[in-house]
């Protein structure tokens, strides 16, 4: 295990010599445009793997930044082939995590392309709540989210003002409450209806 003290520990274009599993904490993957605009691609929670793209392609095409203090399990890139050839069950787990990541990116593209602003924000909040719930970070129907509305805006491709107004509309449905960083699901069925997704999980996520 290794503690990531600095906020950005993987930079776009950097040579990636290691693969990381998040043991505790939150992070996010993102890309920057030349003019400083940021697109958040995904959030990383405990049991999530970070850096696989760089491990296979030799160079990272996105950056990773910590939202909270992180504890990481560090795996050398040079050992990846050995893992695939000698530990097929672990190799399957890595492939499962990569496929799950692809699923998440597909949903993000669907959100940006076709979901309304209200549907987008409902989907993202429910998705993050369920992922946190899977790894025991929720307390009943609530969680202290470590991100801001700006992070949501940068994930959804919306302005901060639009995100704030849409969040108020979602709060008015009485499906959620989000106050002083504490997020609470008041009516999960209603939130899932607005999001257009029930978030059913078929297989427990592997923890490598």
Protein backbone atom coordinates (compact mmCIF):
# COMPACT_ATOMS: atom_id res chain seq x y z
CA UNK A 1 0.00 0.00 0.00
CA UNK A 2 1.09 3.56 -0.69
CA UNK A 3 -0.36 6.91 0.40
CA UNK A 4 -0.88 9.44 -2.40
CA UNK A 5 -0.36 12.76 -0.64
CA UNK A 6 -0.32 15.02 -3.70
CA UNK A 7 -3.57 15.73 -5.47
CA UNK A 8 -2.54 14.85 -9.04
CA UNK A 9 -0.39 11.75 -9.13
CA UNK A 10 -0.80 10.65 -12.77
CA UNK A 11 -0.39 13.22 -15.55
CA UNK A 12 -1.64 13.15 -19.14
CA UNK A 13 1.21 12.10 -21.47
CA UNK A 14 3.30 10.65 -18.63
CA UNK A 15 4.99 7.27 -18.95
CA UNK A 16 3.04 4.84 -16.77
CA UNK A 17 5.27 2.37 -14.95
CA UNK A 18 2.64 1.33 -12.42
CA UNK A 19 -0.93 0.19 -12.10
CA UNK A 20 -2.90 1.17 -8.99
CA UNK A 21 -5.82 -0.26 -7.05
CA UNK A 22 -7.57 2.24 -4.81
CA UNK A 23 -7.77 0.75 -1.31
CA UNK A 24 -9.34 3.82 0.34
CA UNK A 25 -10.35 7.31 -0.76
CA UNK A 26 -11.78 8.98 -3.86
CA UNK A 27 -10.11 10.19 -7.06
CA UNK A 28 -11.17 11.18 -10.56
CA UNK A 29 -9.82 10.78 -14.09
CA UNK A 30 -9.93 13.79 -16.40
CA UNK A 31 -8.67 15.44 -19.58
CA UNK A 32 -7.79 19.11 -20.02
CA UNK A 33 -8.31 21.22 -23.14
CA UNK A 34 -5.66 23.77 -24.10
CA UNK A 35 -7.83 26.64 -22.89
CA UNK A 36 -8.10 25.17 -19.38
CA UNK A 37 -11.52 23.54 -19.63
CA UNK A 38 -11.72 20.19 -17.83
CA UNK A 39 -13.70 17.07 -18.67
CA UNK A 40 -14.01 14.57 -15.83
CA UNK A 41 -14.18 11.07 -17.33
CA UNK A 42 -14.90 8.98 -14.25
CA UNK A 43 -14.51 8.73 -10.49
CA UNK A 44 -12.34 6.11 -8.78
CA UNK A 45 -13.45 4.55 -5.49
CA UNK A 46 -12.06 1.68 -3.38
CA UNK A 47 -11.63 -1.52 -5.48
CA UNK A 48 -11.27 0.53 -8.68
CA UNK A 49 -8.16 0.19 -10.80
CA UNK A 50 -6.30 3.23 -12.11
CA UNK A 51 -3.60 3.38 -14.78
CA UNK A 52 -4.42 0.27 -16.85
CA UNK A 53 -4.55 2.34 -20.05
CA UNK A 54 -1.06 3.71 -19.44
CA UNK A 55 0.21 0.29 -18.44
CA UNK A 56 -0.86 -1.19 -21.78
CA UNK A 57 -0.23 1.86 -24.01
CA UNK A 58 2.97 3.04 -22.23
CA UNK A 59 1.60 6.57 -21.93
CA UNK A 60 -1.39 8.04 -20.09
CA UNK A 61 -3.98 9.85 -22.20
CA UNK A 62 -5.64 11.40 -19.16
CA UNK A 63 -4.71 12.66 -15.70
CA UNK A 64 -5.81 11.40 -12.28
CA UNK A 65 -6.37 13.59 -9.23
CA UNK A 66 -7.21 12.74 -5.62
CA UNK A 67 -10.40 14.10 -4.07
CA UNK A 68 -9.46 12.79 -0.62
CA UNK A 69 -6.33 11.23 0.91
CA UNK A 70 -5.77 7.91 -0.89
CA UNK A 71 -4.31 4.56 0.01
CA UNK A 72 -3.15 2.73 -3.12
CA UNK A 73 -1.88 -0.74 -3.93
CA UNK A 74 0.92 -0.27 -6.49
CA UNK A 75 1.58 -2.92 -9.14
CA UNK A 76 4.60 -2.65 -11.51
CA UNK A 77 3.76 -2.56 -15.21
CA UNK A 78 6.58 -5.03 -15.90
CA UNK A 79 4.72 -7.70 -13.92
CA UNK A 80 1.44 -7.43 -15.84
CA UNK A 81 2.27 -10.06 -18.48
CA UNK A 82 3.36 -12.42 -15.73
CA UNK A 83 0.06 -11.87 -13.93
CA UNK A 84 -1.95 -12.62 -17.10
CA UNK A 85 0.08 -15.75 -17.91
CA UNK A 86 0.32 -17.23 -14.40
CA UNK A 87 -2.79 -16.01 -12.55
CA UNK A 88 -5.79 -16.39 -14.90
CA UNK A 89 -8.38 -15.64 -12.19
CA UNK A 90 -6.69 -12.29 -11.44
CA UNK A 91 -6.41 -11.63 -15.18
CA UNK A 92 -10.16 -12.24 -15.50
CA UNK A 93 -10.82 -9.78 -12.66
CA UNK A 94 -8.73 -7.09 -14.39
CA UNK A 95 -10.61 -7.71 -17.64
CA UNK A 96 -13.93 -7.48 -15.72
CA UNK A 97 -12.89 -4.13 -14.23
CA UNK A 98 -11.86 -2.84 -17.68
CA UNK A 99 -15.22 -3.94 -19.13
CA UNK A 100 -17.05 -2.26 -16.23
CA UNK A 101 -15.10 0.93 -16.93
CA UNK A 102 -16.20 0.72 -20.58
CA UNK A 103 -19.82 0.39 -19.40
CA UNK A 104 -19.45 3.54 -17.30
CA UNK A 105 -17.97 5.48 -20.23
CA UNK A 106 -20.84 4.28 -22.45
CA UNK A 107 -23.36 5.62 -19.93
CA UNK A 108 -21.49 8.94 -19.71
CA UNK A 109 -21.62 9.26 -23.51
CA UNK A 110 -25.34 8.47 -23.44
CA UNK A 111 -25.81 11.17 -20.79
CA UNK A 112 -23.95 13.83 -22.75
CA UNK A 113 -25.56 12.82 -26.04
CA UNK A 114 -29.17 12.03 -25.20
CA UNK A 115 -30.16 12.47 -21.55
CA UNK A 116 -31.79 15.71 -20.43
CA UNK A 117 -29.97 17.80 -17.81
CA UNK A 118 -32.24 16.46 -15.04
CA UNK A 119 -31.77 12.85 -16.20
CA UNK A 120 -27.98 13.35 -16.41
CA UNK A 121 -27.59 14.63 -12.89
CA UNK A 122 -29.97 12.02 -11.43
CA UNK A 123 -28.08 9.24 -13.20
CA UNK A 124 -24.64 10.45 -12.07
CA UNK A 125 -25.64 10.92 -8.43
CA UNK A 126 -27.39 7.53 -8.27
CA UNK A 127 -24.44 5.87 -10.00
CA UNK A 128 -21.93 7.33 -7.54
CA UNK A 129 -24.14 6.51 -4.55
CA UNK A 130 -24.53 2.88 -5.66
CA UNK A 131 -20.78 2.50 -6.30
CA UNK A 132 -20.05 3.91 -2.84
CA UNK A 133 -22.70 1.61 -1.35
CA UNK A 134 -21.07 -1.45 -2.97
CA UNK A 135 -17.83 -0.81 -1.07
CA UNK A 136 -19.40 0.12 2.25
CA UNK A 137 -18.95 3.91 2.16
CA UNK A 138 -22.62 4.77 2.68
CA UNK A 139 -24.41 5.00 5.99
CA UNK A 140 -27.97 3.89 5.39
CA UNK A 141 -29.26 6.09 2.59
CA UNK A 142 -26.68 8.85 3.03
CA UNK A 143 -23.02 9.59 2.30
CA UNK A 144 -20.65 12.53 2.64
CA UNK A 145 -19.71 13.12 -1.00
CA UNK A 146 -16.16 14.60 -1.29
CA UNK A 147 -16.82 16.47 -4.54
CA UNK A 148 -18.46 19.80 -5.43
CA UNK A 149 -21.05 20.93 -7.95
CA UNK A 150 -18.13 22.02 -10.16
CA UNK A 151 -16.98 18.39 -10.35
CA UNK A 152 -20.50 17.38 -11.42
CA UNK A 153 -20.55 20.16 -14.03
CA UNK A 154 -17.18 19.05 -15.40
CA UNK A 155 -18.41 15.45 -15.60
CA UNK A 156 -21.69 16.27 -17.31
CA UNK A 157 -20.40 18.93 -19.70
CA UNK A 158 -22.70 21.55 -18.17
CA UNK A 159 -22.02 25.03 -16.82
CA UNK A 160 -21.90 25.47 -13.05
CA UNK A 161 -25.02 27.69 -13.18
CA UNK A 162 -26.95 25.08 -15.20
CA UNK A 163 -25.79 22.33 -12.84
CA UNK A 164 -26.90 24.32 -9.80
CA UNK A 165 -30.35 25.03 -11.28
CA UNK A 166 -30.80 21.40 -12.34
CA UNK A 167 -29.76 20.16 -8.90
CA UNK A 168 -32.40 22.44 -7.35
CA UNK A 169 -35.00 20.93 -9.70
CA UNK A 170 -33.93 17.42 -8.67
CA UNK A 171 -34.08 18.37 -4.98
CA UNK A 172 -37.61 19.73 -5.53
CA UNK A 173 -38.77 16.24 -6.62
CA UNK A 174 -38.03 15.07 -3.03
CA UNK A 175 -35.97 12.16 -4.42
CA UNK A 176 -32.74 13.45 -2.84
CA UNK A 177 -31.36 15.88 -0.31
CA UNK A 178 -27.81 17.30 -0.57
CA UNK A 179 -26.85 19.70 2.17
CA UNK A 180 -23.48 20.54 3.78
CA UNK A 181 -21.78 17.87 1.62
CA UNK A 182 -24.09 15.13 2.99
CA UNK A 183 -26.03 13.49 0.17
CA UNK A 184 -29.16 11.49 1.02
CA UNK A 185 -31.38 9.33 -1.17
CA UNK A 186 -34.93 10.00 0.02
CA UNK A 187 -36.77 8.04 -2.68
CA UNK A 188 -34.57 5.63 -4.60
CA UNK A 189 -37.34 4.44 -6.91
CA UNK A 190 -38.13 8.03 -7.89
CA UNK A 191 -34.43 8.82 -8.43
CA UNK A 192 -34.03 5.70 -10.60
CA UNK A 193 -37.13 6.68 -12.57
CA UNK A 194 -35.74 10.15 -13.28
CA UNK A 195 -32.32 8.67 -14.14
CA UNK A 196 -33.91 6.02 -16.37
CA UNK A 197 -31.73 3.35 -14.78
CA UNK A 198 -32.24 0.93 -11.86
CA UNK A 199 -28.48 0.26 -11.28
CA UNK A 200 -28.83 -3.49 -10.76
CA UNK A 201 -25.51 -5.23 -10.10
CA UNK A 202 -25.13 -8.82 -11.34
CA UNK A 203 -21.69 -9.78 -10.05
CA UNK A 204 -19.81 -8.52 -6.99
CA UNK A 205 -16.90 -6.34 -8.12
CA UNK A 206 -13.47 -7.93 -7.68
CA UNK A 207 -11.00 -6.33 -5.30
CA UNK A 208 -7.46 -6.88 -6.60
